Amino acid sequence: MSHTLEPSAAVAAAPARTVPRLLPAAGITAGPLFIAAGMAQGLTRDGFDFTRNALSQLSLGSLGWIQVTAFLLTGLLVIGGSIAIRQTLRNAPGGTWAPRLLGAFGASFLIAGVFRADPGAGFPAGAPEDRLTSLSAHGTIHMLAGAVGYLALCAAFLVLARHFTTGGQRGWALACRLVPVGVLAGFAASATSVVAFTAGAGLGLLALSAVTARLTSTTRP
């Protein structure tokens, strides 16, 4: 009995081998891509000040479409990475809730891309110089999406800490417990320091890339 694949079967098998390789790459790329896009725009767009303006405000103005695209693409990449982690952790500790929470984090970027932040603190040009004291409907949704998304990310790290502990990877387990502390500290300081807020958000994104790389490189489906 021959075990040679028919041409149609061989073609169908190719995507099955390709997709698992692409999904981890998506998750690993998401954080650095979003941060690089934000840094590049923040350094080149008139009126933007990292000490006064959040990266979300780059969605405003004539070039706002660039940051909107960054939000949407990052969300899709994070969701792709969550699928890769689900495949990797199937039947393992953390294999149910970590991917779900990371998928929610990715979805929050999609929502934040659709509902833009409010202008303020002098950006974009013509915006009030004072910091925001009230939010519009779309600004409120944007803020809520970010808050819920990052809470989901922090919860995912805590779930993954259990996974790493079970596997004897104490360094990674400790990192997954400390990252949420840094993220939440940055968010808590946002009322007085935009830089702290940006640093906390960036820490979460970069840590997610590192954890995704670790998980999908050690046990890839």
N, C-alpha and C. Protein backbone atom coordinates (compact mmCIF):
# COMPACT_ATOMS: atom_id res chain seq x y z
N MET A 1 0.85 -1.20 0.00
CA MET A 1 0.00 0.00 0.00
C MET A 1 0.88 1.24 0.00
N SER A 2 0.69 2.11 -0.93
CA SER A 2 1.54 3.30 -1.05
C SER A 2 1.10 4.38 -0.07
N HIS A 3 2.13 5.08 0.51
CA HIS A 3 1.84 6.18 1.42
C HIS A 3 2.15 7.51 0.77
N THR A 4 2.31 7.53 -0.55
CA THR A 4 2.61 8.77 -1.27
C THR A 4 1.40 9.69 -1.25
N LEU A 5 1.63 10.93 -0.89
CA LEU A 5 0.53 11.90 -0.86
C LEU A 5 0.10 12.27 -2.27
N GLU A 6 -1.19 12.35 -2.47
CA GLU A 6 -1.69 12.90 -3.71
C GLU A 6 -1.32 14.38 -3.77
N PRO A 7 -1.17 14.96 -4.97
CA PRO A 7 -0.81 16.38 -5.08
C PRO A 7 -1.71 17.29 -4.28
N SER A 8 -3.03 17.03 -4.31
CA SER A 8 -3.96 17.89 -3.58
C SER A 8 -3.72 17.81 -2.08
N ALA A 9 -3.38 16.60 -1.58
CA ALA A 9 -3.13 16.44 -0.16
C ALA A 9 -1.85 17.14 0.24
N ALA A 10 -0.84 17.09 -0.64
CA ALA A 10 0.42 17.76 -0.34
C ALA A 10 0.23 19.26 -0.25
N VAL A 11 -0.58 19.80 -1.16
CA VAL A 11 -0.85 21.24 -1.13
C VAL A 11 -1.59 21.62 0.14
N ALA A 12 -2.53 20.79 0.56
CA ALA A 12 -3.30 21.08 1.77
C ALA A 12 -2.44 21.00 3.01
N ALA A 13 -1.39 20.13 2.98
CA ALA A 13 -0.53 19.96 4.14
C ALA A 13 0.41 21.13 4.32
N ALA A 14 0.77 21.81 3.23
CA ALA A 14 1.74 22.90 3.31
C ALA A 14 1.29 24.03 4.23
N PRO A 15 0.05 24.55 4.10
CA PRO A 15 -0.37 25.61 5.00
C PRO A 15 -0.36 25.17 6.46
N ALA A 16 -0.67 23.90 6.71
CA ALA A 16 -0.70 23.42 8.08
C ALA A 16 0.67 23.52 8.73
N ARG A 17 1.75 23.35 7.92
CA ARG A 17 3.10 23.48 8.46
C ARG A 17 3.51 24.93 8.54
N THR A 18 2.98 25.78 7.64
CA THR A 18 3.39 27.17 7.58
C THR A 18 2.74 28.01 8.67
N VAL A 19 1.45 27.81 8.91
CA VAL A 19 0.73 28.64 9.87
C VAL A 19 1.34 28.60 11.26
N PRO A 20 1.68 27.40 11.82
CA PRO A 20 2.28 27.40 13.15
C PRO A 20 3.58 28.20 13.23
N ARG A 21 4.32 28.31 12.12
CA ARG A 21 5.55 29.09 12.12
C ARG A 21 5.25 30.58 12.07
N LEU A 22 4.18 30.96 11.38
CA LEU A 22 3.85 32.37 11.23
C LEU A 22 3.22 32.95 12.49
N LEU A 23 2.40 32.17 13.18
CA LEU A 23 1.70 32.69 14.34
C LEU A 23 2.64 33.09 15.48
N PRO A 24 3.65 32.28 15.83
CA PRO A 24 4.59 32.74 16.86
C PRO A 24 5.30 34.02 16.44
N ALA A 25 5.69 34.10 15.18
CA ALA A 25 6.37 35.31 14.68
C ALA A 25 5.47 36.53 14.82
N ALA A 26 4.17 36.34 14.61
CA ALA A 26 3.23 37.44 14.75
C ALA A 26 3.22 37.96 16.18
N GLY A 27 3.12 37.04 17.14
CA GLY A 27 3.10 37.44 18.54
C GLY A 27 4.39 38.10 18.99
N ILE A 28 5.51 37.61 18.50
CA ILE A 28 6.82 38.16 18.88
C ILE A 28 7.01 39.56 18.30
N THR A 29 6.49 39.78 17.11
CA THR A 29 6.68 41.05 16.41
C THR A 29 5.78 42.16 16.93
N ALA A 30 4.64 41.82 17.48
CA ALA A 30 3.61 42.81 17.82
C ALA A 30 4.13 43.96 18.67
N GLY A 31 4.71 43.65 19.81
CA GLY A 31 5.15 44.69 20.73
C GLY A 31 6.21 45.61 20.15
N PRO A 32 7.32 45.07 19.65
CA PRO A 32 8.35 45.93 19.06
C PRO A 32 7.82 46.78 17.91
N LEU A 33 6.91 46.23 17.12
CA LEU A 33 6.35 46.99 16.00
C LEU A 33 5.57 48.20 16.50
N PHE A 34 4.72 47.99 17.49
CA PHE A 34 3.91 49.09 18.00
C PHE A 34 4.78 50.17 18.63
N ILE A 35 5.76 49.75 19.41
CA ILE A 35 6.64 50.72 20.07
C ILE A 35 7.47 51.48 19.05
N ALA A 36 8.02 50.77 18.06
CA ALA A 36 8.83 51.44 17.04
C ALA A 36 8.00 52.45 16.26
N ALA A 37 6.77 52.07 15.92
CA ALA A 37 5.90 52.99 15.18
C ALA A 37 5.61 54.23 16.01
N GLY A 38 5.34 54.04 17.29
CA GLY A 38 5.05 55.17 18.16
C GLY A 38 6.25 56.08 18.36
N MET A 39 7.43 55.48 18.59
CA MET A 39 8.63 56.27 18.80
C MET A 39 8.98 57.08 17.55
N ALA A 40 8.90 56.44 16.40
CA ALA A 40 9.25 57.13 15.15
C ALA A 40 8.32 58.31 14.90
N GLN A 41 7.04 58.11 15.13
CA GLN A 41 6.09 59.21 14.92
C GLN A 41 6.27 60.31 15.96
N GLY A 42 6.48 59.90 17.21
CA GLY A 42 6.64 60.88 18.27
C GLY A 42 7.83 61.79 18.06
N LEU A 43 8.86 61.26 17.42
CA LEU A 43 10.07 62.05 17.18
C LEU A 43 9.95 62.94 15.95
N THR A 44 8.99 62.67 15.10
CA THR A 44 8.92 63.40 13.83
C THR A 44 7.66 64.25 13.65
N ARG A 45 6.65 64.04 14.45
CA ARG A 45 5.42 64.81 14.27
C ARG A 45 5.44 66.09 15.09
N ASP A 46 5.10 67.18 14.44
CA ASP A 46 5.13 68.50 15.07
C ASP A 46 4.18 68.57 16.26
N GLY A 47 4.69 69.09 17.35
CA GLY A 47 3.86 69.33 18.53
C GLY A 47 3.77 68.18 19.50
N PHE A 48 4.26 66.99 19.11
CA PHE A 48 4.15 65.84 20.02
C PHE A 48 5.29 65.89 21.03
N ASP A 49 4.94 65.68 22.29
CA ASP A 49 5.91 65.73 23.39
C ASP A 49 5.72 64.48 24.24
N PHE A 50 6.75 63.64 24.30
CA PHE A 50 6.64 62.39 25.05
C PHE A 50 6.34 62.62 26.53
N THR A 51 6.70 63.78 27.05
CA THR A 51 6.45 64.06 28.46
C THR A 51 5.04 64.55 28.72
N ARG A 52 4.31 64.88 27.66
CA ARG A 52 2.96 65.42 27.82
C ARG A 52 1.89 64.60 27.10
N ASN A 53 2.27 63.92 26.03
CA ASN A 53 1.29 63.24 25.18
C ASN A 53 1.47 61.73 25.21
N ALA A 54 0.35 61.01 25.23
CA ALA A 54 0.38 59.56 25.14
C ALA A 54 0.48 59.14 23.68
N LEU A 55 1.06 57.96 23.43
CA LEU A 55 1.20 57.48 22.06
C LEU A 55 -0.15 57.36 21.36
N SER A 56 -1.20 57.12 22.13
CA SER A 56 -2.54 56.99 21.54
C SER A 56 -2.94 58.24 20.78
N GLN A 57 -2.46 59.40 21.20
CA GLN A 57 -2.84 60.65 20.55
C GLN A 57 -2.24 60.79 19.16
N LEU A 58 -1.28 59.94 18.83
CA LEU A 58 -0.73 59.95 17.48
C LEU A 58 -1.77 59.51 16.45
N SER A 59 -2.89 58.96 16.92
CA SER A 59 -3.98 58.59 16.01
C SER A 59 -4.73 59.80 15.48
N LEU A 60 -4.43 60.97 16.01
CA LEU A 60 -5.12 62.20 15.63
C LEU A 60 -4.34 62.96 14.57
N GLY A 61 -5.02 63.87 13.89
CA GLY A 61 -4.37 64.70 12.90
C GLY A 61 -4.32 64.04 11.53
N SER A 62 -3.70 64.75 10.58
CA SER A 62 -3.68 64.28 9.19
C SER A 62 -2.91 62.98 9.01
N LEU A 63 -1.94 62.73 9.88
CA LEU A 63 -1.16 61.50 9.80
C LEU A 63 -1.62 60.45 10.81
N GLY A 64 -2.77 60.69 11.41
CA GLY A 64 -3.26 59.77 12.43
C GLY A 64 -3.49 58.36 11.92
N TRP A 65 -3.71 58.23 10.63
CA TRP A 65 -3.98 56.90 10.06
C TRP A 65 -2.80 55.94 10.29
N ILE A 66 -1.60 56.49 10.44
CA ILE A 66 -0.43 55.63 10.66
C ILE A 66 -0.55 54.92 12.00
N GLN A 67 -0.89 55.68 13.04
CA GLN A 67 -1.03 55.07 14.36
C GLN A 67 -2.26 54.19 14.44
N VAL A 68 -3.33 54.57 13.75
CA VAL A 68 -4.51 53.71 13.70
C VAL A 68 -4.13 52.36 13.10
N THR A 69 -3.37 52.40 12.02
CA THR A 69 -2.90 51.16 11.39
C THR A 69 -2.04 50.35 12.35
N ALA A 70 -1.19 51.05 13.11
CA ALA A 70 -0.34 50.36 14.08
C ALA A 70 -1.18 49.67 15.14
N PHE A 71 -2.23 50.34 15.61
CA PHE A 71 -3.14 49.72 16.59
C PHE A 71 -3.78 48.45 16.01
N LEU A 72 -4.33 48.57 14.82
CA LEU A 72 -5.05 47.44 14.23
C LEU A 72 -4.12 46.29 13.92
N LEU A 73 -2.95 46.59 13.36
CA LEU A 73 -2.01 45.53 13.02
C LEU A 73 -1.48 44.85 14.27
N THR A 74 -1.17 45.65 15.29
CA THR A 74 -0.69 45.07 16.55
C THR A 74 -1.74 44.16 17.16
N GLY A 75 -2.99 44.59 17.14
CA GLY A 75 -4.05 43.75 17.68
C GLY A 75 -4.14 42.41 16.98
N LEU A 76 -4.07 42.44 15.66
CA LEU A 76 -4.13 41.18 14.90
C LEU A 76 -2.92 40.30 15.19
N LEU A 77 -1.75 40.90 15.31
CA LEU A 77 -0.53 40.13 15.59
C LEU A 77 -0.59 39.51 16.98
N VAL A 78 -1.09 40.26 17.96
CA VAL A 78 -1.21 39.71 19.31
C VAL A 78 -2.19 38.54 19.33
N ILE A 79 -3.30 38.68 18.62
CA ILE A 79 -4.27 37.58 18.55
C ILE A 79 -3.63 36.36 17.89
N GLY A 80 -2.85 36.59 16.83
CA GLY A 80 -2.14 35.48 16.20
C GLY A 80 -1.20 34.81 17.17
N GLY A 81 -0.48 35.61 17.96
CA GLY A 81 0.41 35.04 18.97
C GLY A 81 -0.34 34.26 20.02
N SER A 82 -1.53 34.72 20.39
CA SER A 82 -2.32 34.00 21.39
C SER A 82 -2.75 32.63 20.88
N ILE A 83 -3.01 32.55 19.58
CA ILE A 83 -3.36 31.26 18.99
C ILE A 83 -2.16 30.33 19.03
N ALA A 84 -0.98 30.87 18.75
CA ALA A 84 0.24 30.06 18.81
C ALA A 84 0.48 29.54 20.23
N ILE A 85 0.25 30.39 21.22
CA ILE A 85 0.43 29.97 22.61
C ILE A 85 -0.61 28.92 22.99
N ARG A 86 -1.82 29.07 22.49
CA ARG A 86 -2.85 28.05 22.76
C ARG A 86 -2.42 26.70 22.20
N GLN A 87 -1.86 26.70 21.00
CA GLN A 87 -1.39 25.46 20.40
C GLN A 87 -0.23 24.87 21.19
N THR A 88 0.66 25.74 21.66
CA THR A 88 1.83 25.29 22.39
C THR A 88 1.47 24.73 23.76
N LEU A 89 0.53 25.36 24.44
CA LEU A 89 0.19 24.98 25.81
C LEU A 89 -1.01 24.05 25.89
N ARG A 90 -1.39 23.46 24.79
CA ARG A 90 -2.54 22.56 24.81
C ARG A 90 -2.33 21.45 25.85
N ASN A 91 -3.31 21.29 26.75
CA ASN A 91 -3.26 20.28 27.82
C ASN A 91 -2.14 20.53 28.83
N ALA A 92 -1.64 21.76 28.89
CA ALA A 92 -0.60 22.12 29.85
C ALA A 92 -1.14 23.18 30.81
N PRO A 93 -0.52 23.36 31.97
CA PRO A 93 -0.97 24.41 32.89
C PRO A 93 -0.97 25.78 32.22
N GLY A 94 -2.07 26.50 32.36
CA GLY A 94 -2.18 27.82 31.75
C GLY A 94 -2.66 27.79 30.32
N GLY A 95 -2.85 26.60 29.77
CA GLY A 95 -3.18 26.48 28.36
C GLY A 95 -4.57 26.93 27.98
N THR A 96 -5.44 27.10 28.94
CA THR A 96 -6.80 27.55 28.65
C THR A 96 -6.94 29.06 28.78
N TRP A 97 -6.55 29.59 29.93
CA TRP A 97 -6.82 31.00 30.20
C TRP A 97 -5.79 31.96 29.65
N ALA A 98 -4.55 31.57 29.59
CA ALA A 98 -3.53 32.49 29.06
C ALA A 98 -3.85 32.92 27.63
N PRO A 99 -4.13 31.99 26.71
CA PRO A 99 -4.47 32.42 25.34
C PRO A 99 -5.74 33.27 25.28
N ARG A 100 -6.73 32.95 26.09
CA ARG A 100 -7.97 33.75 26.09
C ARG A 100 -7.70 35.18 26.54
N LEU A 101 -6.93 35.32 27.59
CA LEU A 101 -6.61 36.65 28.11
C LEU A 101 -5.77 37.44 27.12
N LEU A 102 -4.83 36.76 26.47
CA LEU A 102 -4.01 37.44 25.46
C LEU A 102 -4.83 37.80 24.23
N GLY A 103 -5.79 36.97 23.89
CA GLY A 103 -6.69 37.31 22.80
C GLY A 103 -7.50 38.56 23.12
N ALA A 104 -7.93 38.68 24.39
CA ALA A 104 -8.65 39.88 24.83
C ALA A 104 -7.74 41.11 24.75
N PHE A 105 -6.48 40.93 25.09
CA PHE A 105 -5.52 42.03 24.99
C PHE A 105 -5.38 42.48 23.54
N GLY A 106 -5.28 41.53 22.63
CA GLY A 106 -5.21 41.88 21.21
C GLY A 106 -6.46 42.60 20.74
N ALA A 107 -7.61 42.12 21.19
CA ALA A 107 -8.88 42.76 20.80
C ALA A 107 -8.96 44.20 21.29
N SER A 108 -8.34 44.47 22.44
CA SER A 108 -8.37 45.84 22.97
C SER A 108 -7.64 46.81 22.04
N PHE A 109 -6.62 46.34 21.34
CA PHE A 109 -5.92 47.20 20.39
C PHE A 109 -6.80 47.48 19.17
N LEU A 110 -7.57 46.51 18.76
CA LEU A 110 -8.48 46.73 17.64
C LEU A 110 -9.52 47.79 18.01
N ILE A 111 -10.06 47.69 19.21
CA ILE A 111 -11.05 48.67 19.66
C ILE A 111 -10.41 50.05 19.78
N ALA A 112 -9.19 50.10 20.34
CA ALA A 112 -8.50 51.38 20.51
C ALA A 112 -8.16 52.02 19.17
N GLY A 113 -7.98 51.19 18.14
CA GLY A 113 -7.71 51.73 16.82
C GLY A 113 -8.94 52.32 16.17
N VAL A 114 -10.09 51.75 16.46
CA VAL A 114 -11.34 52.23 15.87
C VAL A 114 -11.83 53.48 16.61
N PHE A 115 -11.75 53.46 17.93
CA PHE A 115 -12.19 54.60 18.75
C PHE A 115 -10.95 55.36 19.22
N ARG A 116 -10.74 56.52 18.64
CA ARG A 116 -9.50 57.25 18.87
C ARG A 116 -9.50 58.01 20.19
N ALA A 117 -8.28 58.30 20.65
CA ALA A 117 -8.10 59.10 21.87
C ALA A 117 -8.52 60.55 21.61
N ASP A 118 -8.72 61.28 22.67
CA ASP A 118 -9.08 62.70 22.56
C ASP A 118 -7.83 63.56 22.42
N PRO A 119 -7.95 64.70 21.75
CA PRO A 119 -6.82 65.64 21.68
C PRO A 119 -6.62 66.32 23.04
N GLY A 120 -5.43 66.84 23.24
CA GLY A 120 -5.14 67.53 24.49
C GLY A 120 -3.66 67.72 24.69
N ALA A 121 -3.28 68.52 25.66
CA ALA A 121 -1.88 68.79 25.98
C ALA A 121 -1.12 69.28 24.75
N GLY A 122 -1.81 70.10 23.94
CA GLY A 122 -1.15 70.72 22.80
C GLY A 122 -1.01 69.86 21.57
N PHE A 123 -1.61 68.67 21.56
CA PHE A 123 -1.51 67.81 20.38
C PHE A 123 -2.87 67.24 20.03
N PRO A 124 -3.20 67.25 18.70
CA PRO A 124 -2.42 67.84 17.59
C PRO A 124 -2.50 69.36 17.61
N ALA A 125 -1.92 69.98 16.60
CA ALA A 125 -1.87 71.44 16.54
C ALA A 125 -3.27 72.02 16.71
N GLY A 126 -3.39 73.01 17.58
CA GLY A 126 -4.69 73.63 17.83
C GLY A 126 -5.43 73.06 19.00
N ALA A 127 -4.95 71.93 19.55
CA ALA A 127 -5.61 71.32 20.71
C ALA A 127 -5.32 72.16 21.95
N PRO A 128 -6.20 72.12 22.95
CA PRO A 128 -5.95 72.85 24.20
C PRO A 128 -4.62 72.45 24.82
N GLU A 129 -3.94 73.41 25.42
CA GLU A 129 -2.65 73.13 26.04
C GLU A 129 -2.80 72.36 27.35
N ASP A 130 -3.95 72.48 27.98
CA ASP A 130 -4.16 71.78 29.25
C ASP A 130 -4.41 70.30 29.01
N ARG A 131 -4.15 69.50 30.04
CA ARG A 131 -4.47 68.07 29.97
C ARG A 131 -5.98 67.90 30.03
N LEU A 132 -6.43 66.77 29.54
CA LEU A 132 -7.87 66.52 29.46
C LEU A 132 -8.51 66.49 30.84
N THR A 133 -9.66 67.12 30.95
CA THR A 133 -10.44 67.05 32.19
C THR A 133 -11.73 66.26 31.99
N SER A 134 -12.11 66.03 30.73
CA SER A 134 -13.29 65.23 30.42
C SER A 134 -13.04 64.49 29.12
N LEU A 135 -13.75 63.40 28.93
CA LEU A 135 -13.55 62.55 27.76
C LEU A 135 -14.80 62.53 26.89
N SER A 136 -14.59 62.43 25.59
CA SER A 136 -15.70 62.22 24.67
C SER A 136 -16.12 60.76 24.73
N ALA A 137 -17.18 60.41 24.03
CA ALA A 137 -17.63 59.02 24.01
C ALA A 137 -16.57 58.12 23.41
N HIS A 138 -15.99 58.53 22.27
CA HIS A 138 -14.98 57.67 21.64
C HIS A 138 -13.70 57.64 22.47
N GLY A 139 -13.38 58.77 23.13
CA GLY A 139 -12.21 58.78 24.00
C GLY A 139 -12.38 57.88 25.20
N THR A 140 -13.60 57.83 25.73
CA THR A 140 -13.89 56.96 26.87
C THR A 140 -13.74 55.50 26.48
N ILE A 141 -14.28 55.12 25.31
CA ILE A 141 -14.15 53.74 24.85
C ILE A 141 -12.69 53.38 24.64
N HIS A 142 -11.93 54.32 24.07
CA HIS A 142 -10.50 54.09 23.86
C HIS A 142 -9.79 53.81 25.19
N MET A 143 -10.06 54.64 26.18
CA MET A 143 -9.42 54.48 27.49
C MET A 143 -9.84 53.18 28.16
N LEU A 144 -11.13 52.86 28.09
CA LEU A 144 -11.61 51.63 28.72
C LEU A 144 -11.02 50.40 28.05
N ALA A 145 -10.90 50.45 26.72
CA ALA A 145 -10.31 49.32 25.99
C ALA A 145 -8.88 49.09 26.45
N GLY A 146 -8.13 50.18 26.58
CA GLY A 146 -6.75 50.05 27.03
C GLY A 146 -6.65 49.51 28.44
N ALA A 147 -7.51 50.02 29.33
CA ALA A 147 -7.47 49.58 30.73
C ALA A 147 -7.82 48.10 30.85
N VAL A 148 -8.92 47.69 30.21
CA VAL A 148 -9.33 46.29 30.28
C VAL A 148 -8.30 45.39 29.60
N GLY A 149 -7.77 45.85 28.47
CA GLY A 149 -6.79 45.06 27.75
C GLY A 149 -5.54 44.80 28.57
N TYR A 150 -5.03 45.83 29.21
CA TYR A 150 -3.81 45.65 30.00
C TYR A 150 -4.06 44.87 31.28
N LEU A 151 -5.25 44.97 31.85
CA LEU A 151 -5.58 44.11 32.98
C LEU A 151 -5.60 42.65 32.54
N ALA A 152 -6.12 42.39 31.34
CA ALA A 152 -6.11 41.03 30.80
C ALA A 152 -4.68 40.55 30.59
N LEU A 153 -3.82 41.44 30.09
CA LEU A 153 -2.41 41.08 29.89
C LEU A 153 -1.75 40.73 31.22
N CYS A 154 -1.98 41.55 32.24
CA CYS A 154 -1.40 41.28 33.56
C CYS A 154 -1.89 39.93 34.10
N ALA A 155 -3.17 39.66 33.93
CA ALA A 155 -3.71 38.38 34.38
C ALA A 155 -3.08 37.22 33.62
N ALA A 156 -2.85 37.41 32.32
CA ALA A 156 -2.22 36.37 31.50
C ALA A 156 -0.81 36.08 32.00
N PHE A 157 -0.07 37.12 32.37
CA PHE A 157 1.28 36.90 32.90
C PHE A 157 1.24 36.08 34.18
N LEU A 158 0.27 36.34 35.04
CA LEU A 158 0.16 35.59 36.28
C LEU A 158 -0.20 34.13 36.01
N VAL A 159 -1.05 33.90 35.02
CA VAL A 159 -1.38 32.53 34.63
C VAL A 159 -0.14 31.83 34.09
N LEU A 160 0.63 32.53 33.26
CA LEU A 160 1.84 31.95 32.68
C LEU A 160 2.92 31.72 33.73
N ALA A 161 2.90 32.52 34.80
CA ALA A 161 3.86 32.29 35.89
C ALA A 161 3.66 30.90 36.48
N ARG A 162 2.40 30.50 36.60
CA ARG A 162 2.12 29.14 37.10
C ARG A 162 2.64 28.09 36.13
N HIS A 163 2.49 28.35 34.84
CA HIS A 163 2.99 27.41 33.84
C HIS A 163 4.50 27.25 33.97
N PHE A 164 5.21 28.37 34.07
CA PHE A 164 6.67 28.30 34.16
C PHE A 164 7.11 27.66 35.48
N THR A 165 6.37 27.93 36.55
CA THR A 165 6.70 27.31 37.84
C THR A 165 6.58 25.80 37.76
N THR A 166 5.50 25.34 37.16
CA THR A 166 5.29 23.90 37.00
C THR A 166 6.41 23.27 36.20
N GLY A 167 6.92 24.00 35.21
CA GLY A 167 8.00 23.49 34.37
C GLY A 167 9.39 23.71 34.94
N GLY A 168 9.48 24.25 36.15
CA GLY A 168 10.77 24.45 36.78
C GLY A 168 11.55 25.64 36.25
N GLN A 169 10.89 26.53 35.50
CA GLN A 169 11.56 27.70 34.94
C GLN A 169 11.30 28.90 35.86
N ARG A 170 12.04 28.93 36.95
CA ARG A 170 11.75 29.90 38.01
C ARG A 170 12.03 31.33 37.59
N GLY A 171 13.05 31.54 36.77
CA GLY A 171 13.36 32.89 36.31
C GLY A 171 12.21 33.48 35.51
N TRP A 172 11.68 32.70 34.59
CA TRP A 172 10.55 33.17 33.78
C TRP A 172 9.30 33.33 34.64
N ALA A 173 9.13 32.44 35.61
CA ALA A 173 7.97 32.55 36.50
C ALA A 173 8.04 33.85 37.30
N LEU A 174 9.24 34.18 37.80
CA LEU A 174 9.41 35.42 38.56
C LEU A 174 9.16 36.63 37.68
N ALA A 175 9.68 36.59 36.46
CA ALA A 175 9.48 37.71 35.53
C ALA A 175 7.99 37.93 35.26
N CYS A 176 7.26 36.84 35.09
CA CYS A 176 5.82 36.95 34.80
C CYS A 176 5.04 37.50 35.99
N ARG A 177 5.62 37.39 37.18
CA ARG A 177 4.96 37.98 38.35
C ARG A 177 5.35 39.45 38.54
N LEU A 178 6.55 39.80 38.10
CA LEU A 178 7.02 41.17 38.29
C LEU A 178 6.52 42.13 37.21
N VAL A 179 6.36 41.64 35.99
CA VAL A 179 5.93 42.51 34.90
C VAL A 179 4.59 43.18 35.20
N PRO A 180 3.57 42.46 35.70
CA PRO A 180 2.32 43.14 36.02
C PRO A 180 2.49 44.26 37.05
N VAL A 181 3.44 44.09 37.97
CA VAL A 181 3.69 45.14 38.95
C VAL A 181 4.19 46.40 38.25
N GLY A 182 5.13 46.22 37.31
CA GLY A 182 5.64 47.37 36.56
C GLY A 182 4.58 48.03 35.70
N VAL A 183 3.77 47.21 35.04
CA VAL A 183 2.71 47.75 34.18
C VAL A 183 1.70 48.55 35.00
N LEU A 184 1.24 47.97 36.09
CA LEU A 184 0.23 48.64 36.91
C LEU A 184 0.80 49.88 37.60
N ALA A 185 2.08 49.83 37.96
CA ALA A 185 2.71 51.01 38.56
C ALA A 185 2.75 52.16 37.56
N GLY A 186 3.07 51.84 36.31
CA GLY A 186 3.08 52.87 35.27
C GLY A 186 1.71 53.47 35.05
N PHE A 187 0.69 52.62 35.04
CA PHE A 187 -0.67 53.12 34.86
C PHE A 187 -1.12 53.96 36.06
N ALA A 188 -0.72 53.53 37.27
CA ALA A 188 -1.11 54.27 38.46
C ALA A 188 -0.49 55.66 38.49
N ALA A 189 0.70 55.78 37.88
CA ALA A 189 1.41 57.06 37.88
C ALA A 189 1.01 57.95 36.71
N SER A 190 0.08 57.48 35.88
CA SER A 190 -0.25 58.22 34.66
C SER A 190 -0.82 59.60 34.93
N ALA A 191 -1.44 59.79 36.08
CA ALA A 191 -2.03 61.10 36.40
C ALA A 191 -0.96 62.18 36.55
N THR A 192 0.24 61.77 36.92
CA THR A 192 1.32 62.74 37.13
C THR A 192 2.46 62.59 36.14
N SER A 193 2.56 61.45 35.47
CA SER A 193 3.68 61.22 34.56
C SER A 193 3.25 60.41 33.35
N VAL A 194 3.19 61.06 32.20
CA VAL A 194 2.86 60.35 30.96
C VAL A 194 3.98 59.39 30.60
N VAL A 195 5.22 59.77 30.91
CA VAL A 195 6.36 58.90 30.61
C VAL A 195 6.24 57.58 31.35
N ALA A 196 5.83 57.62 32.62
CA ALA A 196 5.65 56.39 33.39
C ALA A 196 4.57 55.52 32.78
N PHE A 197 3.49 56.14 32.33
CA PHE A 197 2.41 55.40 31.68
C PHE A 197 2.92 54.71 30.41
N THR A 198 3.65 55.46 29.58
CA THR A 198 4.19 54.91 28.34
C THR A 198 5.17 53.78 28.63
N ALA A 199 6.01 53.97 29.66
CA ALA A 199 6.98 52.94 30.02
C ALA A 199 6.29 51.66 30.49
N GLY A 200 5.24 51.82 31.29
CA GLY A 200 4.51 50.65 31.77
C GLY A 200 3.86 49.88 30.64
N ALA A 201 3.24 50.61 29.71
CA ALA A 201 2.60 49.96 28.57
C ALA A 201 3.64 49.27 27.69
N GLY A 202 4.77 49.95 27.47
CA GLY A 202 5.83 49.36 26.65
C GLY A 202 6.43 48.13 27.29
N LEU A 203 6.59 48.16 28.62
CA LEU A 203 7.11 46.99 29.33
C LEU A 203 6.23 45.78 29.09
N GLY A 204 4.92 45.97 29.18
CA GLY A 204 4.01 44.86 28.96
C GLY A 204 4.13 44.28 27.56
N LEU A 205 4.23 45.14 26.57
CA LEU A 205 4.34 44.68 25.18
C LEU A 205 5.63 43.92 24.93
N LEU A 206 6.75 44.46 25.41
CA LEU A 206 8.04 43.80 25.19
C LEU A 206 8.14 42.49 25.96
N ALA A 207 7.59 42.48 27.17
CA ALA A 207 7.60 41.24 27.95
C ALA A 207 6.77 40.17 27.27
N LEU A 208 5.65 40.56 26.68
CA LEU A 208 4.82 39.59 25.96
C LEU A 208 5.58 39.00 24.78
N SER A 209 6.33 39.82 24.07
CA SER A 209 7.13 39.32 22.95
C SER A 209 8.14 38.30 23.45
N ALA A 210 8.81 38.61 24.56
CA ALA A 210 9.82 37.70 25.10
C ALA A 210 9.21 36.38 25.55
N VAL A 211 8.08 36.45 26.24
CA VAL A 211 7.41 35.24 26.72
C VAL A 211 6.89 34.40 25.56
N THR A 212 6.34 35.07 24.54
CA THR A 212 5.87 34.34 23.36
C THR A 212 7.02 33.61 22.69
N ALA A 213 8.16 34.28 22.57
CA ALA A 213 9.33 33.65 21.96
C ALA A 213 9.78 32.45 22.77
N ARG A 214 9.79 32.59 24.09
CA ARG A 214 10.21 31.49 24.96
C ARG A 214 9.27 30.30 24.84
N LEU A 215 7.99 30.54 24.92
CA LEU A 215 7.02 29.45 24.89
C LEU A 215 7.02 28.73 23.56
N THR A 216 7.00 29.47 22.47
CA THR A 216 6.84 28.85 21.15
C THR A 216 8.13 28.29 20.60
N SER A 217 9.27 28.63 21.20
CA SER A 217 10.54 28.07 20.72
C SER A 217 10.90 26.79 21.46
N THR A 218 10.36 26.62 22.67
CA THR A 218 10.69 25.43 23.44
C THR A 218 9.76 24.26 23.13
N THR A 219 8.49 24.57 22.86
CA THR A 219 7.52 23.51 22.54
C THR A 219 6.61 24.00 21.45
N ARG A 220 7.04 23.89 20.23
CA ARG A 220 6.23 24.38 19.12
C ARG A 220 5.46 23.23 18.51
N PRO A 221 4.17 23.43 18.21
CA PRO A 221 3.36 22.37 17.61
C PRO A 221 3.84 22.02 16.23
